[in-house]
Amino acid sequence: MSFIADYANWFYLIGAVLFIMTLRGLSGPKTAIMGNRYGMAGMAIAILTTFFVAPAPESPVVWLIIAAMVLGGAIGIFRARTVPMTQMPETVALMHSMVGLSAVCIAAAAVLHSGLHHDSLHRFELFVGCFVGAITFSASIFAYGKLAAKKWAKTIKGGSVKPIQIILLVLMLACGAHYFLTENLVSFWAMTGVALVLGYYWIAPIGGGDMPVVVSLLNSFSGWAAAGIGFTLNNTMLIIAGSLVGSSGAILSYVMCKAMNRSLFNVLFGGFGQTAVAAGEVGDAKPKNYRSGSPDDAGFLMSNADSVIIVPGYGMAQGRAQNAVKELANTLKEKGVNVRFAIHPVAGRMPGHMNVLLAEADVPYEDIYEMDEINSDFASTDVVLVIGANDVVNPAAKDDPSSPIYGMPILEAYKAQTVMVIKRSMATGYAGLDNDLFYLDKTMMIFGDAKKVVEDMSKSINGGH
């Protein structure tokens, strides 16, 4: 067995290569399925190597480990099979919280292990891994509550928020440094408690419009927390996997911030969430005029168009309308209409939300375009159909310097000859901002449930059948 144990790192290396191939596969919709398979194979190798090849700790309670794995796997499979797409963002946030909680629990177990001596390097690893895990846990729990619209997950605001954040950060680092220097357990627990509170105060002030970036960043934090666990357990595979998740999540957060024309620091400690809500609460005293129409009107316009661009947003997910949208696109194609989908990087409430929805409906990958690929085509497009999107098509980002989203790159739907918007009402979007697009002379508002409206459009194009 000792001979085999010498080769544990080789098996871990194979698993690490598979994880790298996973990230490569997940970088595009056409290769995503194979990427997931690489990831499952890599994880299987990691688990089997840890159980049967790597050196085992002294007197492990194997039945307890297996029981936890079986229970966790059963819960995961059940959730994966039953979760509706509208709840996917909060489900992802909840999974991030579990990784953070694991990091805290493992760090606490290592600190309490009576037979384990901690040198300075391991104390530093425990210090960093524990507070990163604690922040990830409480921040992810709040993000879950906010994405799920829980009453307890209310945005906090006021002049005292930033001073409290600074005080908590300094106190956490001070307690952690004292533990690092003295191995004082009271300081360790104090650091953990303060980190949990800091996670809440860090995320709670951030507005809803920034939640996709927050989810991406929490993904990165969960990766670094996992890497910290790997150092604590001296597990090479966990260090590599956590580092891959952490770095890829950080890169994705940067890309999304760039798509919003904002810095990561501004999102996390400035943000337009609070300002946007305030602006939405104040509102315009003078009511604005808009033009509304029916699904039949929309069907007639689209069936007589040469080109149509569909812009999906969270309203499509909320109405579970992706399959109806796919059927509408097919119906228009049968009439000779050129139909394409335009995706903004921060559309929906998590990174890639709209891409996942359209993939679930089997929309052809070649019909889906990112913002940079399709923005130049809006001016020559006959009809743009916006389904439940708000901030990502708001012209205020282009022409209103007083707008909280001014400077954010948007899908330039306002340049099309005709714009049609499906919404339940004229209420503001998730970020609390009114949309100037809705009041243009070329825009027609169509009110109702997204799925029902789209189905009625298809019927109208087919002559009522």
Protein backbone atom coordinates (compact mmCIF):
# COMPACT_ATOMS: atom_id res chain seq x y z
CA MET A 1 0.00 0.00 0.00
CA SER A 2 2.90 2.38 0.74
CA PHE A 3 4.22 1.77 -2.77
CA ILE A 4 0.88 2.81 -4.22
CA ALA A 5 0.69 5.83 -1.91
CA ASP A 6 3.85 7.21 -3.51
CA TYR A 7 1.87 7.68 -6.70
CA ALA A 8 -1.02 9.64 -5.15
CA ASN A 9 0.30 12.92 -6.52
CA TRP A 10 0.39 11.45 -10.03
CA PHE A 11 -3.30 10.62 -9.78
CA TYR A 12 -3.97 14.10 -8.40
CA LEU A 13 -2.07 15.55 -11.35
CA ILE A 14 -4.30 13.66 -13.78
CA GLY A 15 -7.35 14.99 -11.93
CA ALA A 16 -5.94 18.53 -12.05
CA VAL A 17 -5.42 18.29 -15.82
CA LEU A 18 -9.03 17.15 -16.17
CA PHE A 19 -10.18 20.16 -14.13
CA ILE A 20 -8.23 22.47 -16.44
CA MET A 21 -9.90 20.78 -19.40
CA THR A 22 -13.21 21.33 -17.60
CA LEU A 23 -12.68 25.08 -17.54
CA ARG A 24 -11.67 25.00 -21.17
CA GLY A 25 -14.83 23.09 -22.04
CA LEU A 26 -17.08 25.37 -20.03
CA SER A 27 -15.77 28.42 -21.90
CA GLY A 28 -18.21 27.76 -24.76
CA PRO A 29 -21.75 26.35 -25.02
CA LYS A 30 -20.82 23.78 -27.67
CA THR A 31 -18.17 22.17 -25.45
CA ALA A 32 -19.89 22.67 -22.07
CA ILE A 33 -21.29 19.12 -21.85
CA MET A 34 -17.87 17.59 -22.44
CA GLY A 35 -16.39 20.06 -19.96
CA ASN A 36 -18.79 18.82 -17.30
CA ARG A 37 -17.80 15.23 -18.07
CA TYR A 38 -14.13 16.10 -17.62
CA GLY A 39 -15.01 17.67 -14.27
CA MET A 40 -16.92 14.61 -13.08
CA ALA A 41 -14.05 12.33 -14.12
CA GLY A 42 -11.52 14.54 -12.33
CA MET A 43 -13.60 14.59 -9.16
CA ALA A 44 -14.04 10.80 -9.26
CA ILE A 45 -10.26 10.37 -9.51
CA ALA A 46 -9.74 12.80 -6.63
CA ILE A 47 -12.19 10.95 -4.35
CA LEU A 48 -10.88 7.47 -5.17
CA THR A 49 -7.26 8.59 -4.76
CA THR A 50 -8.00 10.19 -1.40
CA PHE A 51 -9.75 7.04 -0.16
CA PHE A 52 -7.55 4.27 -1.54
CA VAL A 53 -4.15 5.71 -2.56
CA ALA A 54 -3.19 8.77 -0.52
CA PRO A 55 -1.85 8.23 3.02
CA ALA A 56 -4.78 8.03 5.44
CA PRO A 57 -5.03 10.00 8.69
CA GLU A 58 -4.81 8.12 11.95
CA SER A 59 -8.01 6.19 12.86
CA PRO A 60 -10.45 7.79 10.39
CA VAL A 61 -14.18 7.28 11.02
CA VAL A 62 -14.87 5.89 7.55
CA TRP A 63 -18.59 5.24 8.02
CA LEU A 64 -19.18 8.85 9.02
CA ILE A 65 -17.33 10.12 5.95
CA ILE A 66 -19.27 7.81 3.62
CA ALA A 67 -22.57 8.70 5.29
CA ALA A 68 -21.90 12.42 4.81
CA MET A 69 -21.00 11.85 1.16
CA VAL A 70 -24.12 9.79 0.49
CA LEU A 71 -26.37 12.33 2.23
CA GLY A 72 -24.77 15.26 0.44
CA GLY A 73 -24.90 13.50 -2.92
CA ALA A 74 -28.58 12.62 -2.45
CA ILE A 75 -29.47 16.21 -1.58
CA GLY A 76 -27.44 17.51 -4.52
CA ILE A 77 -29.03 15.13 -7.03
CA PHE A 78 -32.53 15.93 -5.76
CA ARG A 79 -31.90 19.67 -5.95
CA ALA A 80 -30.36 19.45 -9.41
CA ARG A 81 -33.35 17.52 -10.74
CA THR A 82 -36.03 19.71 -9.15
CA VAL A 83 -34.67 23.25 -9.16
CA PRO A 84 -36.52 25.52 -11.64
CA MET A 85 -34.38 27.81 -13.76
CA THR A 86 -35.85 30.85 -12.00
CA GLN A 87 -34.22 29.62 -8.78
CA MET A 88 -30.84 28.73 -10.25
CA PRO A 89 -29.06 31.98 -9.18
CA GLU A 90 -29.98 31.60 -5.51
CA THR A 91 -29.13 27.88 -5.69
CA VAL A 92 -25.63 28.75 -6.93
CA ALA A 93 -25.24 31.27 -4.11
CA LEU A 94 -26.34 28.64 -1.59
CA MET A 95 -23.74 26.17 -2.94
CA HIS A 96 -21.05 28.80 -2.49
CA SER A 97 -22.10 29.19 1.15
CA MET A 98 -21.59 25.45 1.72
CA VAL A 99 -17.99 25.66 0.50
CA GLY A 100 -17.35 28.57 2.86
CA LEU A 101 -18.91 26.71 5.77
CA SER A 102 -16.75 23.66 4.98
CA ALA A 103 -13.64 25.81 5.14
CA VAL A 104 -14.64 27.17 8.56
CA CYS A 105 -15.49 23.73 9.94
CA ILE A 106 -12.24 22.15 8.74
CA ALA A 107 -10.17 25.06 10.07
CA ALA A 108 -11.95 24.78 13.43
CA ALA A 109 -11.36 21.01 13.51
CA ALA A 110 -7.67 21.50 12.76
CA VAL A 111 -7.33 24.13 15.48
CA LEU A 112 -9.07 21.91 18.05
CA HIS A 113 -7.09 18.80 17.14
CA SER A 114 -5.21 18.12 20.38
CA GLY A 115 -2.46 16.09 18.74
CA LEU A 116 -1.67 18.51 15.96
CA HIS A 117 1.07 21.11 16.33
CA HIS A 118 0.69 24.19 14.16
CA ASP A 119 3.82 25.88 12.91
CA SER A 120 3.72 29.47 11.65
CA LEU A 121 2.93 28.46 8.07
CA HIS A 122 -0.05 26.32 9.09
CA ARG A 123 -1.31 29.00 11.48
CA PHE A 124 -1.28 31.47 8.60
CA GLU A 125 -3.15 29.01 6.38
CA LEU A 126 -5.76 28.45 9.09
CA PHE A 127 -6.08 32.17 9.70
CA VAL A 128 -6.64 33.06 6.04
CA GLY A 129 -8.69 29.98 5.11
CA CYS A 130 -11.04 30.41 8.05
CA PHE A 131 -11.85 34.09 7.58
CA VAL A 132 -12.22 33.73 3.80
CA GLY A 133 -14.58 30.80 4.38
CA ALA A 134 -16.55 32.67 7.03
CA ILE A 135 -16.99 35.75 4.82
CA THR A 136 -17.97 33.53 1.89
CA PHE A 137 -20.55 31.70 4.01
CA SER A 138 -22.43 34.69 5.44
CA ALA A 139 -22.12 36.76 2.25
CA SER A 140 -23.46 33.86 0.16
CA ILE A 141 -26.35 33.29 2.56
CA PHE A 142 -27.35 36.95 2.20
CA ALA A 143 -26.94 36.78 -1.59
CA TYR A 144 -29.19 33.73 -1.58
CA GLY A 145 -31.81 35.61 0.40
CA LYS A 146 -31.64 38.63 -1.86
CA LEU A 147 -31.86 36.60 -5.07
CA ALA A 148 -34.76 34.60 -3.62
CA ALA A 149 -36.50 37.85 -2.54
CA LYS A 150 -36.56 36.84 1.14
CA LYS A 151 -37.89 39.51 3.49
CA TRP A 152 -34.91 39.23 5.82
CA ALA A 153 -32.41 39.99 3.03
CA LYS A 154 -32.98 43.72 2.89
CA THR A 155 -30.43 46.13 1.46
CA ILE A 156 -28.90 48.30 4.17
CA LYS A 157 -27.83 51.87 3.53
CA GLY A 158 -26.69 54.94 5.38
CA GLY A 159 -23.54 56.81 6.26
CA SER A 160 -22.59 54.35 8.99
CA VAL A 161 -22.20 51.34 6.67
CA LYS A 162 -18.68 52.00 5.39
CA PRO A 163 -17.23 52.89 8.83
CA ILE A 164 -18.72 49.66 10.21
CA GLN A 165 -17.17 47.70 7.34
CA ILE A 166 -13.75 49.22 8.03
CA ILE A 167 -14.00 48.59 11.78
CA LEU A 168 -15.00 44.97 11.23
CA LEU A 169 -12.17 44.42 8.73
CA VAL A 170 -9.54 45.87 11.07
CA LEU A 171 -10.91 43.93 14.05
CA MET A 172 -10.96 40.67 12.08
CA LEU A 173 -7.36 41.11 10.93
CA ALA A 174 -6.24 42.09 14.43
CA CYS A 175 -7.80 38.99 16.00
CA GLY A 176 -6.36 36.81 13.24
CA ALA A 177 -2.90 38.30 13.68
CA HIS A 178 -3.08 37.74 17.45
CA TYR A 179 -4.00 34.08 16.87
CA PHE A 180 -1.16 33.76 14.36
CA LEU A 181 1.36 35.11 16.87
CA THR A 182 0.08 33.38 20.02
CA GLU A 183 -2.23 30.48 18.98
CA ASN A 184 -4.81 31.98 21.32
CA LEU A 185 -8.09 30.15 20.72
CA VAL A 186 -10.22 33.07 21.93
CA SER A 187 -8.68 35.24 19.20
CA PHE A 188 -9.38 32.54 16.60
CA TRP A 189 -13.06 32.32 17.53
CA ALA A 190 -13.33 36.10 17.71
CA MET A 191 -11.82 36.39 14.23
CA THR A 192 -14.29 33.81 12.90
CA GLY A 193 -17.29 35.57 14.45
CA VAL A 194 -16.25 38.99 13.17
CA ALA A 195 -15.64 37.53 9.69
CA LEU A 196 -19.19 36.15 9.65
CA VAL A 197 -20.60 39.58 10.50
CA LEU A 198 -18.30 41.25 7.96
CA GLY A 199 -19.61 38.96 5.20
CA TYR A 200 -23.12 40.27 5.89
CA TYR A 201 -22.09 43.93 6.06
CA TRP A 202 -20.04 43.56 2.91
CA ILE A 203 -22.87 42.23 0.70
CA ALA A 204 -25.97 43.77 2.32
CA PRO A 205 -25.37 47.32 0.99
CA ILE A 206 -24.96 46.14 -2.63
CA GLY A 207 -27.94 46.78 -4.89
CA GLY A 208 -29.77 44.13 -6.89
CA GLY A 209 -28.33 45.29 -10.22
CA ASP A 210 -24.87 44.21 -9.08
CA MET A 211 -25.90 40.72 -7.97
CA PRO A 212 -24.50 38.92 -11.06
CA VAL A 213 -21.03 40.30 -10.25
CA VAL A 214 -21.48 39.40 -6.57
CA VAL A 215 -22.41 35.80 -7.43
CA SER A 216 -19.34 35.56 -9.66
CA LEU A 217 -17.08 36.98 -6.96
CA LEU A 218 -18.49 34.65 -4.32
CA ASN A 219 -17.68 31.80 -6.70
CA SER A 220 -14.10 33.03 -6.66
CA PHE A 221 -14.08 33.30 -2.86
CA SER A 222 -15.43 29.75 -2.51
CA GLY A 223 -12.53 28.58 -4.67
CA TRP A 224 -9.93 30.32 -2.51
CA ALA A 225 -11.64 28.92 0.59
CA ALA A 226 -11.34 25.42 -0.91
CA ALA A 227 -7.66 26.06 -1.64
CA GLY A 228 -7.22 27.05 2.00
CA ILE A 229 -8.81 23.75 3.03
CA GLY A 230 -6.32 21.99 0.77
CA PHE A 231 -3.38 23.59 2.58
CA THR A 232 -4.89 22.67 5.94
CA LEU A 233 -5.34 19.04 4.87
CA ASN A 234 -2.10 18.89 2.84
CA ASN A 235 -4.19 17.84 -0.16
CA THR A 236 -2.58 18.84 -3.45
CA MET A 237 -5.71 18.17 -5.49
CA LEU A 238 -7.85 20.46 -3.36
CA ILE A 239 -5.28 23.25 -3.59
CA ILE A 240 -5.19 23.02 -7.38
CA ALA A 241 -8.98 22.75 -7.81
CA GLY A 242 -9.64 25.62 -5.41
CA SER A 243 -7.06 27.81 -7.12
CA LEU A 244 -8.62 27.11 -10.53
CA VAL A 245 -12.09 28.04 -9.28
CA GLY A 246 -10.79 31.08 -7.43
CA SER A 247 -8.81 32.47 -10.35
CA SER A 248 -11.48 31.73 -12.97
CA GLY A 249 -14.14 33.36 -10.78
CA ALA A 250 -11.95 36.43 -10.33
CA ILE A 251 -11.39 36.68 -14.10
CA LEU A 252 -15.14 36.34 -14.74
CA SER A 253 -15.85 39.08 -12.19
CA TYR A 254 -13.37 41.34 -13.97
CA VAL A 255 -14.95 40.61 -17.36
CA MET A 256 -18.43 41.39 -16.02
CA CYS A 257 -17.27 44.62 -14.42
CA LYS A 258 -15.68 45.60 -17.71
CA ALA A 259 -19.00 44.92 -19.43
CA MET A 260 -20.60 47.34 -16.95
CA ASN A 261 -17.78 49.87 -17.42
CA ARG A 262 -17.09 49.87 -13.71
CA SER A 263 -14.33 48.73 -11.40
CA LEU A 264 -14.71 45.80 -9.04
CA PHE A 265 -14.00 48.14 -6.13
CA ASN A 266 -16.87 50.38 -7.24
CA VAL A 267 -19.27 47.43 -7.38
CA LEU A 268 -18.31 46.16 -3.94
CA PHE A 269 -17.90 49.42 -2.07
CA GLY A 270 -19.63 52.02 -4.24
CA GLY A 271 -22.23 50.50 -6.51
CA PHE A 272 -25.25 51.96 -8.18
CA GLY A 273 -27.66 49.78 -6.25
CA GLN A 274 -28.43 52.24 -3.48
CA THR A 275 -28.49 55.24 -5.77
CA ALA A 276 -30.72 53.42 -8.19
CA VAL A 277 -33.23 52.52 -5.53
CA ALA A 278 -33.27 56.05 -4.27
CA ALA A 279 -33.86 57.33 -7.79
CA GLY A 280 -36.65 54.82 -8.28
CA GLU A 281 -38.30 55.88 -5.04
CA VAL A 282 -38.23 59.55 -5.93
CA GLY A 283 -39.48 59.03 -9.47
CA ASP A 284 -40.72 61.66 -11.91
CA ALA A 285 -43.68 63.67 -10.71
CA LYS A 286 -44.96 63.97 -14.27
CA PRO A 287 -46.27 60.67 -15.72
CA LYS A 288 -44.63 59.60 -18.97
CA ASN A 289 -46.53 58.51 -22.04
CA TYR A 290 -45.96 55.13 -23.62
CA ARG A 291 -47.56 53.14 -26.42
CA SER A 292 -48.98 49.69 -25.78
CA GLY A 293 -50.11 46.95 -28.13
CA SER A 294 -51.31 43.36 -28.29
CA PRO A 295 -49.58 40.08 -29.15
CA ASP A 296 -51.47 40.15 -32.46
CA ASP A 297 -49.95 43.55 -33.29
CA ALA A 298 -46.50 42.23 -32.44
CA GLY A 299 -47.00 39.06 -34.48
CA PHE A 300 -48.04 41.08 -37.52
CA LEU A 301 -44.99 43.36 -37.29
CA MET A 302 -42.52 40.51 -36.82
CA SER A 303 -43.98 38.33 -39.59
CA ASN A 304 -43.54 41.22 -42.03
CA ALA A 305 -39.99 42.01 -40.93
CA ASP A 306 -36.79 40.91 -42.61
CA SER A 307 -34.80 40.72 -39.39
CA VAL A 308 -35.68 40.28 -35.70
CA ILE A 309 -33.37 40.35 -32.69
CA ILE A 310 -34.66 38.86 -29.43
CA VAL A 311 -33.19 40.25 -26.19
CA PRO A 312 -33.98 37.95 -23.23
CA GLY A 313 -33.85 39.06 -19.62
CA TYR A 314 -34.85 37.77 -16.20
CA GLY A 315 -38.51 38.16 -17.14
CA MET A 316 -38.07 35.28 -19.57
CA ALA A 317 -36.69 33.12 -16.78
CA GLN A 318 -39.41 34.20 -14.36
CA GLY A 319 -42.12 33.33 -16.87
CA ARG A 320 -40.34 30.09 -17.91
CA ALA A 321 -40.81 31.28 -21.45
CA GLN A 322 -37.61 30.00 -23.06
CA ASN A 323 -39.31 27.12 -24.90
CA ALA A 324 -42.09 29.39 -26.14
CA VAL A 325 -39.45 31.87 -27.32
CA LYS A 326 -37.64 29.11 -29.21
CA GLU A 327 -40.94 28.16 -30.93
CA LEU A 328 -41.54 31.80 -31.83
CA ALA A 329 -38.09 32.00 -33.39
CA ASN A 330 -38.74 28.82 -35.39
CA THR A 331 -42.09 30.16 -36.57
CA LEU A 332 -40.50 33.38 -37.78
CA LYS A 333 -37.72 31.48 -39.52
CA GLU A 334 -40.32 29.48 -41.44
CA LYS A 335 -41.64 32.83 -42.69
CA GLY A 336 -38.17 33.74 -43.96
CA VAL A 337 -37.30 36.12 -41.11
CA ASN A 338 -33.68 36.32 -39.92
CA VAL A 339 -33.91 35.73 -36.14
CA ARG A 340 -31.04 36.13 -33.69
CA PHE A 341 -30.64 36.37 -29.92
CA ALA A 342 -28.59 39.11 -28.22
CA ILE A 343 -27.09 38.39 -24.78
CA HIS A 344 -25.67 41.00 -22.44
CA PRO A 345 -22.90 39.74 -20.09
CA VAL A 346 -24.88 40.69 -16.97
CA ALA A 347 -28.37 39.76 -18.20
CA GLY A 348 -30.30 37.77 -15.60
CA ARG A 349 -29.15 37.30 -12.03
CA MET A 350 -26.04 35.20 -12.44
CA PRO A 351 -23.26 34.91 -15.04
CA GLY A 352 -24.47 33.06 -18.15
CA HIS A 353 -28.07 32.90 -16.94
CA MET A 354 -29.62 33.64 -20.34
CA ASN A 355 -27.23 31.31 -22.17
CA VAL A 356 -28.27 28.45 -19.88
CA LEU A 357 -31.96 29.14 -20.43
CA LEU A 358 -31.61 29.23 -24.22
CA ALA A 359 -29.46 26.09 -24.20
CA GLU A 360 -32.14 24.33 -22.15
CA ALA A 361 -34.63 25.22 -24.91
CA ASP A 362 -32.24 23.88 -27.59
CA VAL A 363 -31.81 27.25 -29.28
CA PRO A 364 -29.00 26.78 -31.86
CA TYR A 365 -25.69 28.14 -30.61
CA GLU A 366 -25.10 29.94 -33.91
CA ASP A 367 -28.23 32.05 -33.29
CA ILE A 368 -26.91 33.42 -29.99
CA TYR A 369 -24.67 36.50 -30.08
CA GLU A 370 -22.82 38.35 -27.37
CA MET A 371 -23.12 42.12 -27.01
CA ASP A 372 -19.92 43.01 -28.86
CA GLU A 373 -20.84 40.74 -31.77
CA ILE A 374 -24.31 42.12 -32.44
CA ASN A 375 -24.43 45.74 -31.27
CA SER A 376 -23.48 47.09 -34.68
CA ASP A 377 -26.47 45.26 -36.26
CA PHE A 378 -29.27 46.90 -34.28
CA ALA A 379 -29.39 49.98 -36.52
CA SER A 380 -30.21 47.82 -39.55
CA THR A 381 -32.69 45.58 -37.72
CA ASP A 382 -36.44 45.86 -38.35
CA VAL A 383 -37.74 44.63 -34.99
CA VAL A 384 -36.19 44.08 -31.57
CA LEU A 385 -38.20 42.01 -29.09
CA VAL A 386 -37.14 42.62 -25.47
CA ILE A 387 -38.43 39.99 -23.04
CA GLY A 388 -38.22 41.08 -19.43
CA ALA A 389 -34.89 42.92 -19.72
CA ASN A 390 -34.44 46.40 -18.30
CA ASP A 391 -31.05 47.83 -17.39
CA VAL A 392 -29.11 46.10 -20.19
CA VAL A 393 -31.13 47.98 -22.86
CA ASN A 394 -31.58 51.29 -21.04
CA PRO A 395 -30.47 54.23 -23.26
CA ALA A 396 -29.80 56.32 -20.15
CA ALA A 397 -26.48 54.50 -19.95
CA LYS A 398 -25.54 56.26 -23.19
CA ASP A 399 -27.08 59.72 -23.00
CA ASP A 400 -27.91 60.61 -19.38
CA PRO A 401 -24.84 61.65 -17.33
CA SER A 402 -27.02 61.83 -14.20
CA SER A 403 -28.06 58.18 -14.47
CA PRO A 404 -26.42 55.76 -12.01
CA ILE A 405 -25.65 53.41 -14.94
CA TYR A 406 -24.18 56.11 -17.21
CA GLY A 407 -21.20 54.68 -19.10
CA MET A 408 -22.33 51.06 -18.80
CA PRO A 409 -22.21 49.31 -22.21
CA ILE A 410 -25.70 48.20 -23.25
CA LEU A 411 -27.41 46.31 -26.04
CA GLU A 412 -28.31 49.17 -28.38
CA ALA A 413 -31.90 48.07 -29.00
CA TYR A 414 -33.05 51.70 -29.24
CA LYS A 415 -31.38 51.97 -32.67
CA ALA A 416 -33.74 49.45 -34.32
CA GLN A 417 -36.68 50.60 -36.45
CA THR A 418 -39.24 49.09 -34.05
CA VAL A 419 -38.85 47.96 -30.45
CA MET A 420 -41.32 45.71 -28.65
CA VAL A 421 -41.06 45.06 -24.92
CA ILE A 422 -42.82 42.30 -22.98
CA LYS A 423 -43.31 43.21 -19.32
CA ARG A 424 -45.84 42.51 -16.62
CA SER A 425 -46.17 46.22 -15.82
CA MET A 426 -44.31 49.52 -16.06
CA ALA A 427 -42.55 48.81 -12.77
CA THR A 428 -38.79 49.36 -12.66
CA GLY A 429 -36.33 46.51 -13.07
CA TYR A 430 -34.24 44.68 -10.47
CA ALA A 431 -31.87 47.61 -10.04
CA GLY A 432 -34.75 50.04 -9.45
CA LEU A 433 -34.16 52.16 -12.58
CA ASP A 434 -36.79 53.44 -14.98
CA ASN A 435 -36.02 52.77 -18.66
CA ASP A 436 -36.19 55.55 -21.25
CA LEU A 437 -36.52 52.92 -23.98
CA PHE A 438 -40.11 52.23 -22.92
CA TYR A 439 -41.21 55.78 -23.74
CA LEU A 440 -39.76 56.13 -27.25
CA ASP A 441 -42.19 56.65 -30.13
CA LYS A 442 -40.82 53.52 -31.83
CA THR A 443 -41.46 51.33 -28.75
CA MET A 444 -44.57 49.22 -28.18
CA MET A 445 -45.19 47.80 -24.71
CA ILE A 446 -46.94 44.42 -24.48
CA PHE A 447 -48.11 43.62 -20.96
CA GLY A 448 -48.63 40.14 -19.56
CA ASP A 449 -46.92 36.90 -18.59
CA ALA A 450 -43.96 36.37 -20.90
CA LYS A 451 -44.82 32.77 -21.80
CA LYS A 452 -48.48 33.51 -22.55
CA VAL A 453 -47.65 36.63 -24.60
CA VAL A 454 -45.01 34.82 -26.69
CA GLU A 455 -47.34 31.88 -27.31
CA ASP A 456 -50.05 34.30 -28.48
CA MET A 457 -47.53 35.94 -30.82
CA SER A 458 -46.74 32.57 -32.40
CA LYS A 459 -50.45 31.82 -32.84
CA SER A 460 -50.96 35.20 -34.48
CA ILE A 461 -48.13 34.58 -36.96
CA ASN A 462 -49.62 31.18 -37.77
CA GLY A 463 -53.02 32.72 -38.46
CA GLY A 464 -54.54 31.91 -35.10
CA HIS A 465 -53.69 28.20 -35.07
